Amino acid sequence: MRRYPLPFAMLLALMMFAFSQQAGARPKNESSFDGAVNFGSQVIYVNDGCVAVDGTVASGDFFGDLKRSDVSGQFEFRKHGDVVVEYPESVTATIRLVGGQCDSKLTKPPMSVFPGDTYAFTFRLDWKDGMQMTPATFSPVTAHCTGASSTPIPQRDFTIPSVTCEMTVDSKGVPLGDHLVVSILKPDGALLTRISAQP
């Protein structure tokens, strides 16, 4: 399985255009955020096609007025001038997956991830502090996935399947320096990909 940081074909560029419509989230190296923190985009090559993945972490207006600065080599976070050291009580992780072809020999989206008119993957969430991973508590136990859709491709005999999944994550007491790591697992439990976000 190969991961690509950017789309590498016109079809995947089209897929990623949909991701650009998300609630704005600035790159992690900037000091302020527009309402959400971005997981970053990636395209995963699987045996029978490609899957584009993107997502955000949000919590009301918490990230909208959060500022980050570098103080003596350490990140410091402030809201309205006050130092903030922890995430709010909960955050919402929104993950989008889109299937498509990525090779001239692969003429349809990956059935291993999008079989028929459904999808076949699960999530595992962790908080990461340095090298230490701690399982995150999220509700519902399985992700709430909505907006599953298929976009017809002109002059082709297939559609592009997509799904958006939301998970409310318990973040009370979690330091703002920790990363929220989302592992996306295939039906056999093998890792499809892993993405992370941190202000």
N, C-alpha and C. Protein backbone atom coordinates (compact mmCIF):
# COMPACT_ATOMS: atom_id res chain seq x y z
N MET A 1 0.84 -1.18 0.00
CA MET A 1 0.00 0.00 0.00
C MET A 1 0.89 1.24 0.00
N ARG A 2 0.62 2.19 -0.91
CA ARG A 2 1.40 3.41 -0.99
C ARG A 2 0.54 4.61 -0.62
N ARG A 3 1.15 5.60 0.01
CA ARG A 3 0.44 6.82 0.37
C ARG A 3 1.04 7.97 -0.40
N TYR A 4 0.19 8.84 -0.92
CA TYR A 4 0.64 9.99 -1.68
C TYR A 4 0.16 11.26 -1.00
N PRO A 5 1.04 12.23 -0.76
CA PRO A 5 0.62 13.45 -0.07
C PRO A 5 -0.27 14.33 -0.92
N LEU A 6 -0.23 14.21 -2.26
CA LEU A 6 -1.05 15.03 -3.14
C LEU A 6 -1.65 14.15 -4.23
N PRO A 7 -2.80 14.57 -4.77
CA PRO A 7 -3.38 13.81 -5.88
C PRO A 7 -2.41 13.75 -7.05
N PHE A 8 -2.45 12.66 -7.83
CA PHE A 8 -1.49 12.52 -8.91
C PHE A 8 -2.17 12.22 -10.23
N ALA A 9 -3.47 12.38 -10.31
CA ALA A 9 -4.19 12.20 -11.56
C ALA A 9 -5.38 13.15 -11.56
N MET A 10 -5.89 13.45 -12.73
CA MET A 10 -6.99 14.40 -12.83
C MET A 10 -8.20 13.95 -12.01
N LEU A 11 -8.49 12.65 -12.01
CA LEU A 11 -9.62 12.16 -11.24
C LEU A 11 -9.44 12.43 -9.76
N LEU A 12 -8.23 12.18 -9.26
CA LEU A 12 -7.99 12.41 -7.84
C LEU A 12 -8.02 13.89 -7.53
N ALA A 13 -7.59 14.73 -8.49
CA ALA A 13 -7.69 16.18 -8.28
C ALA A 13 -9.15 16.58 -8.13
N LEU A 14 -10.02 15.97 -8.92
CA LEU A 14 -11.45 16.23 -8.81
C LEU A 14 -11.97 15.79 -7.44
N MET A 15 -11.51 14.62 -7.00
CA MET A 15 -11.92 14.12 -5.70
C MET A 15 -11.51 15.08 -4.60
N MET A 16 -10.29 15.59 -4.68
CA MET A 16 -9.79 16.46 -3.63
C MET A 16 -10.47 17.82 -3.65
N PHE A 17 -11.04 18.22 -4.80
CA PHE A 17 -11.74 19.50 -4.85
C PHE A 17 -12.88 19.52 -3.84
N ALA A 18 -13.55 18.37 -3.70
CA ALA A 18 -14.65 18.30 -2.74
C ALA A 18 -14.16 18.56 -1.33
N PHE A 19 -12.93 18.11 -1.02
CA PHE A 19 -12.39 18.33 0.31
C PHE A 19 -12.14 19.81 0.59
N SER A 20 -11.86 20.58 -0.47
CA SER A 20 -11.55 22.00 -0.26
C SER A 20 -12.77 22.78 0.18
N GLN A 21 -13.96 22.18 0.09
CA GLN A 21 -15.17 22.87 0.49
C GLN A 21 -15.42 22.75 2.00
N GLN A 22 -14.55 22.07 2.72
CA GLN A 22 -14.73 21.87 4.15
C GLN A 22 -14.63 23.18 4.90
N ALA A 23 -15.04 23.18 6.17
CA ALA A 23 -14.83 24.35 7.02
C ALA A 23 -13.35 24.67 7.03
N GLY A 24 -13.03 25.93 6.76
CA GLY A 24 -11.63 26.31 6.57
C GLY A 24 -10.77 25.97 7.76
N ALA A 25 -9.60 25.42 7.48
CA ALA A 25 -8.62 25.12 8.52
C ALA A 25 -7.26 25.47 7.98
N ARG A 26 -6.55 26.33 8.65
CA ARG A 26 -5.26 26.77 8.17
C ARG A 26 -4.19 25.72 8.41
N PRO A 27 -3.08 25.79 7.69
CA PRO A 27 -1.98 24.85 7.92
C PRO A 27 -1.50 24.89 9.35
N LYS A 28 -0.97 23.77 9.83
CA LYS A 28 -0.58 23.66 11.22
C LYS A 28 0.55 24.60 11.60
N ASN A 29 1.32 25.11 10.64
CA ASN A 29 2.45 25.96 11.01
C ASN A 29 2.04 27.41 11.17
N GLU A 30 0.76 27.74 11.01
CA GLU A 30 0.31 29.10 11.26
C GLU A 30 -0.17 29.20 12.68
N SER A 31 -0.31 30.45 13.17
CA SER A 31 -0.55 30.66 14.59
C SER A 31 -2.01 30.81 14.95
N SER A 32 -2.92 30.84 13.97
CA SER A 32 -4.33 30.95 14.29
C SER A 32 -5.13 30.00 13.39
N PHE A 33 -6.39 29.77 13.75
CA PHE A 33 -7.19 28.75 13.08
C PHE A 33 -8.55 29.35 12.73
N ASP A 34 -9.14 28.86 11.67
CA ASP A 34 -10.44 29.35 11.22
C ASP A 34 -11.54 28.37 11.59
N GLY A 35 -11.64 28.05 12.86
CA GLY A 35 -12.74 27.22 13.34
C GLY A 35 -12.46 25.74 13.41
N ALA A 36 -11.37 25.27 12.79
CA ALA A 36 -11.08 23.84 12.79
C ALA A 36 -9.60 23.61 12.57
N VAL A 37 -9.15 22.42 12.95
CA VAL A 37 -7.77 21.99 12.72
C VAL A 37 -7.81 20.91 11.64
N ASN A 38 -6.93 21.01 10.66
CA ASN A 38 -6.95 20.12 9.51
C ASN A 38 -6.12 18.86 9.77
N PHE A 39 -6.68 17.70 9.40
CA PHE A 39 -5.91 16.46 9.44
C PHE A 39 -4.90 16.40 8.30
N GLY A 40 -5.13 17.14 7.25
CA GLY A 40 -4.29 17.03 6.06
C GLY A 40 -4.86 16.00 5.11
N SER A 41 -4.56 16.15 3.83
CA SER A 41 -5.09 15.26 2.81
C SER A 41 -4.06 14.23 2.39
N GLN A 42 -4.53 13.06 2.03
CA GLN A 42 -3.64 12.05 1.47
C GLN A 42 -4.43 11.15 0.53
N VAL A 43 -3.72 10.53 -0.39
CA VAL A 43 -4.32 9.56 -1.30
C VAL A 43 -3.62 8.23 -1.07
N ILE A 44 -4.41 7.18 -0.83
CA ILE A 44 -3.87 5.86 -0.53
C ILE A 44 -4.11 4.94 -1.72
N TYR A 45 -3.05 4.31 -2.18
CA TYR A 45 -3.14 3.34 -3.27
C TYR A 45 -3.34 1.96 -2.66
N VAL A 46 -4.50 1.34 -2.98
CA VAL A 46 -4.75 -0.04 -2.55
C VAL A 46 -4.74 -0.93 -3.79
N ASN A 47 -4.87 -2.23 -3.59
CA ASN A 47 -4.71 -3.16 -4.71
C ASN A 47 -5.69 -2.93 -5.85
N ASP A 48 -6.88 -2.41 -5.52
CA ASP A 48 -7.90 -2.30 -6.56
C ASP A 48 -8.38 -0.86 -6.79
N GLY A 49 -7.57 0.11 -6.45
CA GLY A 49 -7.95 1.50 -6.69
C GLY A 49 -7.28 2.44 -5.70
N CYS A 50 -7.84 3.64 -5.57
CA CYS A 50 -7.29 4.63 -4.66
C CYS A 50 -8.39 5.18 -3.76
N VAL A 51 -7.98 5.65 -2.60
CA VAL A 51 -8.89 6.29 -1.66
C VAL A 51 -8.27 7.61 -1.23
N ALA A 52 -9.00 8.70 -1.38
CA ALA A 52 -8.56 10.00 -0.89
C ALA A 52 -9.17 10.22 0.50
N VAL A 53 -8.37 10.72 1.42
CA VAL A 53 -8.80 10.91 2.80
C VAL A 53 -8.49 12.33 3.24
N ASP A 54 -9.42 12.94 3.97
CA ASP A 54 -9.23 14.28 4.50
C ASP A 54 -10.12 14.41 5.72
N GLY A 55 -9.92 15.47 6.50
CA GLY A 55 -10.78 15.66 7.65
C GLY A 55 -10.38 16.84 8.50
N THR A 56 -11.21 17.13 9.50
CA THR A 56 -10.98 18.24 10.41
C THR A 56 -11.34 17.84 11.84
N VAL A 57 -10.84 18.63 12.78
CA VAL A 57 -11.25 18.55 14.19
C VAL A 57 -11.82 19.91 14.56
N ALA A 58 -13.01 19.93 15.14
CA ALA A 58 -13.65 21.18 15.50
C ALA A 58 -14.35 21.02 16.85
N SER A 59 -14.69 22.16 17.46
CA SER A 59 -15.44 22.16 18.72
C SER A 59 -16.05 23.53 18.92
N GLY A 60 -17.24 23.73 18.38
CA GLY A 60 -17.89 25.04 18.49
C GLY A 60 -16.97 26.12 17.96
N ASP A 61 -16.79 27.19 18.76
CA ASP A 61 -15.89 28.28 18.34
C ASP A 61 -14.52 28.18 19.01
N PHE A 62 -14.22 27.03 19.62
CA PHE A 62 -12.97 26.91 20.37
C PHE A 62 -11.75 27.23 19.53
N PHE A 63 -11.66 26.66 18.34
CA PHE A 63 -10.49 26.88 17.49
C PHE A 63 -10.56 28.19 16.71
N GLY A 64 -11.76 28.78 16.68
CA GLY A 64 -11.92 30.01 15.91
C GLY A 64 -11.12 31.17 16.42
N ASP A 65 -10.96 31.28 17.73
CA ASP A 65 -10.19 32.39 18.29
C ASP A 65 -8.98 31.90 19.10
N LEU A 66 -8.52 30.69 18.79
CA LEU A 66 -7.35 30.14 19.45
C LEU A 66 -6.09 30.63 18.74
N LYS A 67 -5.12 31.09 19.50
CA LYS A 67 -3.85 31.56 18.94
C LYS A 67 -2.72 30.70 19.50
N ARG A 68 -1.76 30.40 18.64
CA ARG A 68 -0.61 29.61 19.08
C ARG A 68 0.65 30.41 18.82
N SER A 69 1.56 30.38 19.79
CA SER A 69 2.84 31.05 19.60
C SER A 69 3.95 30.17 20.15
N ASP A 70 5.16 30.41 19.67
CA ASP A 70 6.33 29.67 20.12
C ASP A 70 7.02 30.48 21.22
N VAL A 71 7.06 29.91 22.42
CA VAL A 71 7.68 30.58 23.56
C VAL A 71 8.82 29.70 24.04
N SER A 72 10.03 30.13 23.78
CA SER A 72 11.22 29.40 24.19
C SER A 72 11.20 27.95 23.70
N GLY A 73 10.78 27.77 22.45
CA GLY A 73 10.78 26.43 21.87
C GLY A 73 9.58 25.59 22.25
N GLN A 74 8.63 26.14 23.00
CA GLN A 74 7.42 25.42 23.39
C GLN A 74 6.21 26.16 22.84
N PHE A 75 5.19 25.41 22.40
CA PHE A 75 3.96 26.04 21.94
C PHE A 75 3.17 26.56 23.13
N GLU A 76 2.65 27.78 23.00
CA GLU A 76 1.75 28.35 24.00
C GLU A 76 0.46 28.74 23.28
N PHE A 77 -0.67 28.38 23.88
CA PHE A 77 -1.97 28.66 23.27
C PHE A 77 -2.71 29.70 24.10
N ARG A 78 -3.39 30.63 23.42
CA ARG A 78 -4.16 31.67 24.10
C ARG A 78 -5.51 31.87 23.41
N LYS A 79 -6.52 32.18 24.23
CA LYS A 79 -7.83 32.60 23.76
C LYS A 79 -8.18 33.89 24.47
N HIS A 80 -8.47 34.91 23.68
CA HIS A 80 -8.79 36.22 24.25
C HIS A 80 -7.73 36.69 25.23
N GLY A 81 -6.47 36.35 24.95
CA GLY A 81 -5.36 36.78 25.79
C GLY A 81 -5.05 35.86 26.96
N ASP A 82 -5.94 34.91 27.26
CA ASP A 82 -5.72 33.98 28.38
C ASP A 82 -5.04 32.70 27.89
N VAL A 83 -4.10 32.19 28.69
CA VAL A 83 -3.41 30.95 28.34
C VAL A 83 -4.38 29.78 28.46
N VAL A 84 -4.37 28.91 27.46
CA VAL A 84 -5.19 27.70 27.45
C VAL A 84 -4.25 26.51 27.31
N VAL A 85 -4.41 25.51 28.16
CA VAL A 85 -3.49 24.37 28.14
C VAL A 85 -4.17 23.06 27.76
N GLU A 86 -5.51 23.03 27.70
CA GLU A 86 -6.21 21.79 27.42
C GLU A 86 -7.25 21.99 26.33
N TYR A 87 -7.58 20.89 25.67
CA TYR A 87 -8.70 20.87 24.73
C TYR A 87 -10.00 21.14 25.49
N PRO A 88 -11.08 21.52 24.79
CA PRO A 88 -12.39 21.60 25.45
C PRO A 88 -12.86 20.21 25.86
N GLU A 89 -14.04 20.12 26.46
CA GLU A 89 -14.53 18.83 26.97
C GLU A 89 -14.67 17.79 25.87
N SER A 90 -15.03 18.22 24.68
CA SER A 90 -15.15 17.28 23.57
C SER A 90 -14.83 17.99 22.26
N VAL A 91 -14.40 17.20 21.29
CA VAL A 91 -14.15 17.70 19.94
C VAL A 91 -14.85 16.76 18.96
N THR A 92 -15.11 17.25 17.77
CA THR A 92 -15.72 16.43 16.73
C THR A 92 -14.72 16.20 15.61
N ALA A 93 -14.42 14.95 15.36
CA ALA A 93 -13.55 14.59 14.25
C ALA A 93 -14.42 14.23 13.06
N THR A 94 -14.20 14.91 11.94
CA THR A 94 -14.95 14.65 10.72
C THR A 94 -13.96 14.11 9.68
N ILE A 95 -14.23 12.91 9.19
CA ILE A 95 -13.34 12.25 8.23
C ILE A 95 -14.11 12.01 6.94
N ARG A 96 -13.51 12.37 5.81
CA ARG A 96 -14.11 12.14 4.51
C ARG A 96 -13.23 11.17 3.71
N LEU A 97 -13.88 10.20 3.08
CA LEU A 97 -13.17 9.25 2.22
C LEU A 97 -13.87 9.21 0.85
N VAL A 98 -13.07 9.23 -0.21
CA VAL A 98 -13.58 9.18 -1.56
C VAL A 98 -12.79 8.12 -2.33
N GLY A 99 -13.49 7.24 -3.04
CA GLY A 99 -12.83 6.19 -3.80
C GLY A 99 -12.74 6.54 -5.27
N GLY A 100 -11.68 6.10 -5.93
CA GLY A 100 -11.54 6.36 -7.35
C GLY A 100 -10.45 5.52 -7.98
N GLN A 101 -10.37 5.56 -9.30
CA GLN A 101 -9.31 4.82 -9.97
C GLN A 101 -8.02 5.65 -9.91
N CYS A 102 -6.91 5.00 -9.94
CA CYS A 102 -5.64 5.73 -9.92
C CYS A 102 -4.64 5.11 -10.88
N ASP A 103 -5.12 4.22 -11.73
CA ASP A 103 -4.26 3.54 -12.68
C ASP A 103 -5.12 3.18 -13.89
N SER A 104 -4.56 3.28 -15.06
CA SER A 104 -5.33 3.00 -16.26
C SER A 104 -5.86 1.56 -16.29
N LYS A 105 -5.19 0.69 -15.55
CA LYS A 105 -5.63 -0.71 -15.51
C LYS A 105 -6.74 -0.93 -14.49
N LEU A 106 -6.91 0.05 -13.59
CA LEU A 106 -7.94 -0.06 -12.56
C LEU A 106 -9.07 0.87 -12.95
N THR A 107 -10.12 0.32 -13.52
CA THR A 107 -11.15 1.15 -14.12
C THR A 107 -12.29 1.49 -13.17
N LYS A 108 -12.29 0.95 -11.98
CA LYS A 108 -13.38 1.23 -11.05
C LYS A 108 -12.82 1.59 -9.67
N PRO A 109 -13.63 2.26 -8.83
CA PRO A 109 -13.20 2.56 -7.46
C PRO A 109 -12.92 1.28 -6.69
N PRO A 110 -12.15 1.35 -5.60
CA PRO A 110 -11.75 0.15 -4.86
C PRO A 110 -12.91 -0.54 -4.15
N MET A 111 -13.26 -1.73 -4.61
CA MET A 111 -14.34 -2.50 -3.99
C MET A 111 -13.95 -2.97 -2.59
N SER A 112 -12.65 -3.06 -2.31
CA SER A 112 -12.23 -3.50 -0.98
C SER A 112 -12.61 -2.49 0.09
N VAL A 113 -12.78 -1.23 -0.28
CA VAL A 113 -13.17 -0.18 0.67
C VAL A 113 -14.61 0.24 0.46
N PHE A 114 -15.07 0.26 -0.78
CA PHE A 114 -16.44 0.65 -1.11
C PHE A 114 -17.15 -0.48 -1.87
N PRO A 115 -17.49 -1.58 -1.19
CA PRO A 115 -18.18 -2.67 -1.87
C PRO A 115 -19.63 -2.30 -2.17
N GLY A 116 -20.03 -2.40 -3.42
CA GLY A 116 -21.41 -2.08 -3.79
C GLY A 116 -21.74 -0.64 -3.48
N ASP A 117 -22.87 -0.42 -2.79
CA ASP A 117 -23.30 0.93 -2.45
C ASP A 117 -23.03 1.25 -0.98
N THR A 118 -22.03 0.59 -0.40
CA THR A 118 -21.73 0.82 1.01
C THR A 118 -20.24 1.05 1.18
N TYR A 119 -19.74 0.93 2.41
CA TYR A 119 -18.32 1.09 2.69
C TYR A 119 -17.89 0.02 3.69
N ALA A 120 -16.59 -0.25 3.72
CA ALA A 120 -16.09 -1.33 4.57
C ALA A 120 -14.83 -0.88 5.28
N PHE A 121 -14.98 -0.14 6.38
CA PHE A 121 -13.84 0.24 7.20
C PHE A 121 -14.35 0.65 8.58
N THR A 122 -13.46 0.64 9.55
CA THR A 122 -13.78 1.08 10.90
C THR A 122 -12.69 2.04 11.36
N PHE A 123 -12.90 2.66 12.52
CA PHE A 123 -11.97 3.64 13.03
C PHE A 123 -11.44 3.24 14.41
N ARG A 124 -10.20 3.65 14.67
CA ARG A 124 -9.64 3.60 16.02
C ARG A 124 -9.04 4.98 16.29
N LEU A 125 -9.33 5.55 17.46
CA LEU A 125 -8.84 6.89 17.79
C LEU A 125 -7.93 6.83 19.00
N ASP A 126 -6.86 7.60 18.95
CA ASP A 126 -5.90 7.67 20.06
C ASP A 126 -5.44 9.11 20.24
N TRP A 127 -5.06 9.43 21.47
CA TRP A 127 -4.35 10.67 21.75
C TRP A 127 -2.87 10.34 21.80
N LYS A 128 -2.05 11.16 21.13
CA LYS A 128 -0.62 10.89 21.07
C LYS A 128 0.15 12.02 21.73
N ASP A 129 0.97 11.66 22.72
CA ASP A 129 1.85 12.60 23.40
C ASP A 129 3.27 12.08 23.21
N GLY A 130 4.03 12.73 22.31
CA GLY A 130 5.34 12.21 21.96
C GLY A 130 5.19 10.86 21.28
N MET A 131 5.74 9.82 21.87
CA MET A 131 5.61 8.46 21.33
C MET A 131 4.51 7.67 22.04
N GLN A 132 3.91 8.26 23.07
CA GLN A 132 2.91 7.56 23.88
C GLN A 132 1.52 7.69 23.27
N MET A 133 0.85 6.55 23.02
CA MET A 133 -0.50 6.54 22.47
C MET A 133 -1.48 6.09 23.54
N THR A 134 -2.56 6.86 23.73
CA THR A 134 -3.60 6.54 24.69
C THR A 134 -4.93 6.46 23.96
N PRO A 135 -5.67 5.35 24.09
CA PRO A 135 -6.95 5.24 23.38
C PRO A 135 -7.88 6.39 23.74
N ALA A 136 -8.53 6.94 22.73
CA ALA A 136 -9.49 8.03 22.94
C ALA A 136 -10.89 7.44 23.06
N THR A 137 -11.71 8.09 23.87
CA THR A 137 -13.11 7.68 24.03
C THR A 137 -13.94 8.50 23.07
N PHE A 138 -14.72 7.82 22.23
CA PHE A 138 -15.57 8.58 21.33
C PHE A 138 -16.95 7.95 21.24
N SER A 139 -17.93 8.78 20.88
CA SER A 139 -19.32 8.38 20.84
C SER A 139 -19.92 8.76 19.49
N PRO A 140 -20.76 7.93 18.91
CA PRO A 140 -21.08 6.57 19.35
C PRO A 140 -19.87 5.64 19.22
N VAL A 141 -20.02 4.43 19.73
CA VAL A 141 -18.90 3.49 19.71
C VAL A 141 -18.42 3.29 18.28
N THR A 142 -19.35 3.24 17.33
CA THR A 142 -18.97 3.22 15.92
C THR A 142 -19.25 4.60 15.35
N ALA A 143 -18.51 5.01 14.36
CA ALA A 143 -18.65 6.34 13.80
C ALA A 143 -20.02 6.52 13.18
N HIS A 144 -20.52 7.74 13.27
CA HIS A 144 -21.79 8.10 12.62
C HIS A 144 -21.45 8.58 11.22
N CYS A 145 -21.74 7.77 10.24
CA CYS A 145 -21.38 8.10 8.86
C CYS A 145 -22.61 8.52 8.08
N THR A 146 -22.50 9.65 7.41
CA THR A 146 -23.61 10.20 6.65
C THR A 146 -23.13 10.66 5.28
N GLY A 147 -24.07 10.99 4.45
CA GLY A 147 -23.73 11.60 3.17
C GLY A 147 -23.05 10.67 2.20
N ALA A 148 -23.21 9.36 2.39
CA ALA A 148 -22.64 8.43 1.42
C ALA A 148 -23.26 8.71 0.07
N SER A 149 -22.45 8.90 -0.94
CA SER A 149 -22.98 9.26 -2.25
C SER A 149 -22.08 8.71 -3.34
N SER A 150 -22.61 8.72 -4.54
CA SER A 150 -21.84 8.31 -5.70
C SER A 150 -22.01 9.36 -6.79
N THR A 151 -20.91 9.84 -7.33
CA THR A 151 -20.93 10.85 -8.38
C THR A 151 -20.63 10.18 -9.72
N PRO A 152 -21.57 10.24 -10.68
CA PRO A 152 -21.31 9.62 -11.98
C PRO A 152 -20.15 10.30 -12.71
N ILE A 153 -19.35 9.52 -13.40
CA ILE A 153 -18.24 10.04 -14.18
C ILE A 153 -18.66 10.04 -15.66
N PRO A 154 -18.69 11.22 -16.30
CA PRO A 154 -19.12 11.29 -17.71
C PRO A 154 -18.29 10.35 -18.60
N GLN A 155 -18.98 9.67 -19.51
CA GLN A 155 -18.37 8.79 -20.49
C GLN A 155 -17.66 7.59 -19.85
N ARG A 156 -17.98 7.31 -18.59
CA ARG A 156 -17.44 6.13 -17.93
C ARG A 156 -18.60 5.33 -17.36
N ASP A 157 -18.36 4.06 -17.07
CA ASP A 157 -19.43 3.21 -16.57
C ASP A 157 -19.35 3.00 -15.06
N PHE A 158 -18.82 3.98 -14.34
CA PHE A 158 -18.75 3.85 -12.89
C PHE A 158 -18.93 5.21 -12.23
N THR A 159 -19.10 5.21 -10.94
CA THR A 159 -19.28 6.42 -10.16
C THR A 159 -18.19 6.52 -9.11
N ILE A 160 -18.05 7.71 -8.53
CA ILE A 160 -17.09 7.91 -7.44
C ILE A 160 -17.84 7.82 -6.12
N PRO A 161 -17.58 6.80 -5.29
CA PRO A 161 -18.26 6.71 -3.99
C PRO A 161 -17.55 7.58 -2.96
N SER A 162 -18.34 8.14 -2.04
CA SER A 162 -17.75 8.94 -0.97
C SER A 162 -18.60 8.80 0.29
N VAL A 163 -17.98 9.03 1.43
CA VAL A 163 -18.69 8.97 2.71
C VAL A 163 -18.02 9.94 3.68
N THR A 164 -18.83 10.55 4.55
CA THR A 164 -18.33 11.44 5.59
C THR A 164 -18.73 10.86 6.94
N CYS A 165 -17.77 10.73 7.84
CA CYS A 165 -18.01 10.14 9.16
C CYS A 165 -17.65 11.14 10.24
N GLU A 166 -18.49 11.23 11.26
CA GLU A 166 -18.25 12.13 12.39
C GLU A 166 -18.18 11.34 13.69
N MET A 167 -17.25 11.73 14.55
CA MET A 167 -17.09 11.10 15.86
C MET A 167 -16.90 12.18 16.91
N THR A 168 -17.71 12.14 17.96
CA THR A 168 -17.53 13.06 19.09
C THR A 168 -16.56 12.43 20.07
N VAL A 169 -15.44 13.12 20.30
CA VAL A 169 -14.33 12.55 21.08
C VAL A 169 -14.23 13.25 22.42
N ASP A 170 -14.14 12.47 23.50
CA ASP A 170 -13.93 13.02 24.84
C ASP A 170 -12.52 13.58 24.91
N SER A 171 -12.40 14.89 25.14
CA SER A 171 -11.08 15.52 25.18
C SER A 171 -10.84 16.29 26.47
N LYS A 172 -11.70 16.10 27.46
CA LYS A 172 -11.55 16.81 28.73
C LYS A 172 -10.22 16.43 29.39
N GLY A 173 -9.41 17.44 29.73
CA GLY A 173 -8.14 17.20 30.41
C GLY A 173 -7.00 16.83 29.49
N VAL A 174 -7.24 16.75 28.18
CA VAL A 174 -6.17 16.39 27.24
C VAL A 174 -5.35 17.64 26.89
N PRO A 175 -4.04 17.61 27.07
CA PRO A 175 -3.20 18.77 26.75
C PRO A 175 -3.31 19.16 25.28
N LEU A 176 -3.31 20.47 25.01
CA LEU A 176 -3.43 20.94 23.64
C LEU A 176 -2.24 20.54 22.77
N GLY A 177 -1.15 20.14 23.37
CA GLY A 177 0.00 19.69 22.60
C GLY A 177 -0.15 18.29 22.06
N ASP A 178 -1.16 17.53 22.53
CA ASP A 178 -1.36 16.16 22.07
C ASP A 178 -1.99 16.14 20.68
N HIS A 179 -1.68 15.10 19.91
CA HIS A 179 -2.27 14.90 18.60
C HIS A 179 -3.46 13.95 18.72
N LEU A 180 -4.53 14.22 17.97
CA LEU A 180 -5.61 13.25 17.83
C LEU A 180 -5.28 12.41 16.60
N VAL A 181 -5.10 11.11 16.81
CA VAL A 181 -4.71 10.20 15.74
C VAL A 181 -5.91 9.32 15.39
N VAL A 182 -6.26 9.30 14.11
CA VAL A 182 -7.36 8.46 13.63
C VAL A 182 -6.77 7.38 12.73
N SER A 183 -6.96 6.13 13.14
CA SER A 183 -6.54 4.99 12.32
C SER A 183 -7.77 4.46 11.59
N ILE A 184 -7.65 4.30 10.28
CA ILE A 184 -8.75 3.78 9.47
C ILE A 184 -8.39 2.34 9.11
N LEU A 185 -9.26 1.42 9.53
CA LEU A 185 -8.97 -0.01 9.41
C LEU A 185 -9.84 -0.67 8.36
N LYS A 186 -9.24 -1.57 7.60
CA LYS A 186 -9.98 -2.37 6.62
C LYS A 186 -10.76 -3.47 7.34
N PRO A 187 -11.69 -4.13 6.64
CA PRO A 187 -12.53 -5.15 7.30
C PRO A 187 -11.74 -6.24 8.01
N ASP A 188 -10.55 -6.58 7.52
CA ASP A 188 -9.76 -7.62 8.17
C ASP A 188 -8.93 -7.10 9.33
N GLY A 189 -9.11 -5.81 9.68
CA GLY A 189 -8.38 -5.21 10.79
C GLY A 189 -7.05 -4.61 10.41
N ALA A 190 -6.62 -4.81 9.16
CA ALA A 190 -5.36 -4.22 8.70
C ALA A 190 -5.52 -2.71 8.56
N LEU A 191 -4.41 -2.00 8.73
CA LEU A 191 -4.44 -0.54 8.67
C LEU A 191 -4.54 -0.08 7.22
N LEU A 192 -5.57 0.73 6.92
CA LEU A 192 -5.66 1.38 5.62
C LEU A 192 -4.77 2.62 5.61
N THR A 193 -4.94 3.46 6.63
CA THR A 193 -4.07 4.63 6.78
C THR A 193 -4.27 5.21 8.16
N ARG A 194 -3.42 6.16 8.50
CA ARG A 194 -3.50 6.85 9.80
C ARG A 194 -3.29 8.34 9.55
N ILE A 195 -4.15 9.17 10.15
CA ILE A 195 -4.01 10.61 10.02
C ILE A 195 -4.03 11.21 11.41
N SER A 196 -3.43 12.39 11.58
CA SER A 196 -3.40 13.02 12.89
C SER A 196 -3.56 14.52 12.75
N ALA A 197 -4.07 15.14 13.82
CA ALA A 197 -4.26 16.59 13.84
C ALA A 197 -3.90 17.12 15.22
N GLN A 198 -3.32 18.32 15.23
CA GLN A 198 -2.96 19.00 16.48
C GLN A 198 -2.85 20.49 16.17
N PRO A 199 -3.39 21.36 17.03
CA PRO A 199 -3.33 22.80 16.75
C PRO A 199 -1.91 23.30 16.57
